[in-house]
């Protein structure tokens, strides 16, 4: 596996863990819920970037590129909540 794939996967798990931790600390506070949603959208985007990096062929990579663009569009919306 490429170093960039490993780094992207580590970032994905870091975003996921941070989102869960913030939500877990105070599940009823609106700020924690919104930050967790933002963190989850960033984590999904990171995972799709990882799938792009580790794609075996160009067709699969193109599919994940389209999904990554769609997931990337959710990040600003969750940031503005």
Protein backbone atom coordinates (compact mmCIF):
# COMPACT_ATOMS: atom_id res chain seq x y z
CA UNK A 1 0.00 0.00 0.00
CA UNK A 2 1.20 3.49 -0.78
CA UNK A 3 2.22 5.83 2.01
CA UNK A 4 -0.44 8.32 0.90
CA UNK A 5 -3.08 5.62 1.30
CA UNK A 6 -1.92 4.80 4.81
CA UNK A 7 -1.88 8.47 5.81
CA UNK A 8 -5.36 9.01 4.37
CA UNK A 9 -6.68 5.98 6.25
CA UNK A 10 -5.16 7.24 9.51
CA UNK A 11 -6.79 10.64 8.95
CA UNK A 12 -10.12 8.90 8.27
CA UNK A 13 -9.98 6.99 11.57
CA UNK A 14 -8.85 10.13 13.40
CA UNK A 15 -11.80 12.12 12.08
CA UNK A 16 -14.17 9.30 12.91
CA UNK A 17 -12.80 8.93 16.45
CA UNK A 18 -12.86 12.68 17.09
CA UNK A 19 -16.45 12.97 15.85
CA UNK A 20 -17.59 10.08 18.02
CA UNK A 21 -15.71 11.39 21.06
CA UNK A 22 -17.20 14.89 20.80
CA UNK A 23 -20.70 13.46 20.36
CA UNK A 24 -20.19 11.01 23.23
CA UNK A 25 -19.04 13.72 25.67
CA UNK A 26 -22.39 15.52 25.53
CA UNK A 27 -24.99 13.94 23.28
CA UNK A 28 -27.66 16.59 23.88
CA UNK A 29 -25.62 19.73 23.23
CA UNK A 30 -26.31 21.15 19.79
CA UNK A 31 -22.71 22.25 19.25
CA UNK A 32 -21.44 18.72 19.80
CA UNK A 33 -24.03 17.24 17.44
CA UNK A 34 -23.23 19.73 14.67
CA UNK A 35 -19.47 19.21 15.05
CA UNK A 36 -19.99 15.44 14.91
CA UNK A 37 -21.99 15.76 11.70
CA UNK A 38 -19.24 17.93 10.22
CA UNK A 39 -16.58 15.45 11.31
CA UNK A 40 -18.50 12.53 9.84
CA UNK A 41 -18.85 14.22 6.46
CA UNK A 42 -15.12 14.94 6.43
CA UNK A 43 -14.43 11.32 7.43
CA UNK A 44 -16.61 10.02 4.58
CA UNK A 45 -14.78 12.26 2.16
CA UNK A 46 -11.42 11.04 3.51
CA UNK A 47 -12.47 7.43 3.07
CA UNK A 48 -13.46 8.04 -0.53
CA UNK A 49 -10.10 9.71 -1.19
CA UNK A 50 -8.48 6.57 0.25
CA UNK A 51 -10.52 4.44 -2.15
CA UNK A 52 -9.35 6.62 -5.04
CA UNK A 53 -5.72 6.16 -4.06
CA UNK A 54 -6.05 2.38 -3.74
CA UNK A 55 -8.20 1.79 -6.82
CA UNK A 56 -6.92 -1.03 -9.04
CA UNK A 57 -8.03 0.50 -12.34
CA UNK A 58 -9.08 3.80 -13.87
CA UNK A 59 -12.81 2.95 -14.04
CA UNK A 60 -13.03 2.23 -10.34
CA UNK A 61 -11.02 5.34 -9.54
CA UNK A 62 -13.33 7.44 -11.69
CA UNK A 63 -16.35 6.07 -9.81
CA UNK A 64 -14.83 6.96 -6.45
CA UNK A 65 -13.77 10.38 -7.74
CA UNK A 66 -17.40 11.14 -8.54
CA UNK A 67 -18.48 9.93 -5.10
CA UNK A 68 -15.73 11.99 -3.44
CA UNK A 69 -16.92 15.11 -5.24
CA UNK A 70 -20.49 14.41 -4.06
CA UNK A 71 -19.32 13.84 -0.48
CA UNK A 72 -17.10 16.91 -0.66
CA UNK A 73 -20.15 19.01 -1.44
CA UNK A 74 -21.67 17.96 1.89
CA UNK A 75 -18.74 19.34 3.91
CA UNK A 76 -19.58 23.06 3.47
CA UNK A 77 -23.25 22.42 4.19
CA UNK A 78 -22.44 20.64 7.43
CA UNK A 79 -19.97 23.41 8.29
CA UNK A 80 -22.72 26.02 7.96
CA UNK A 81 -25.17 24.23 10.24
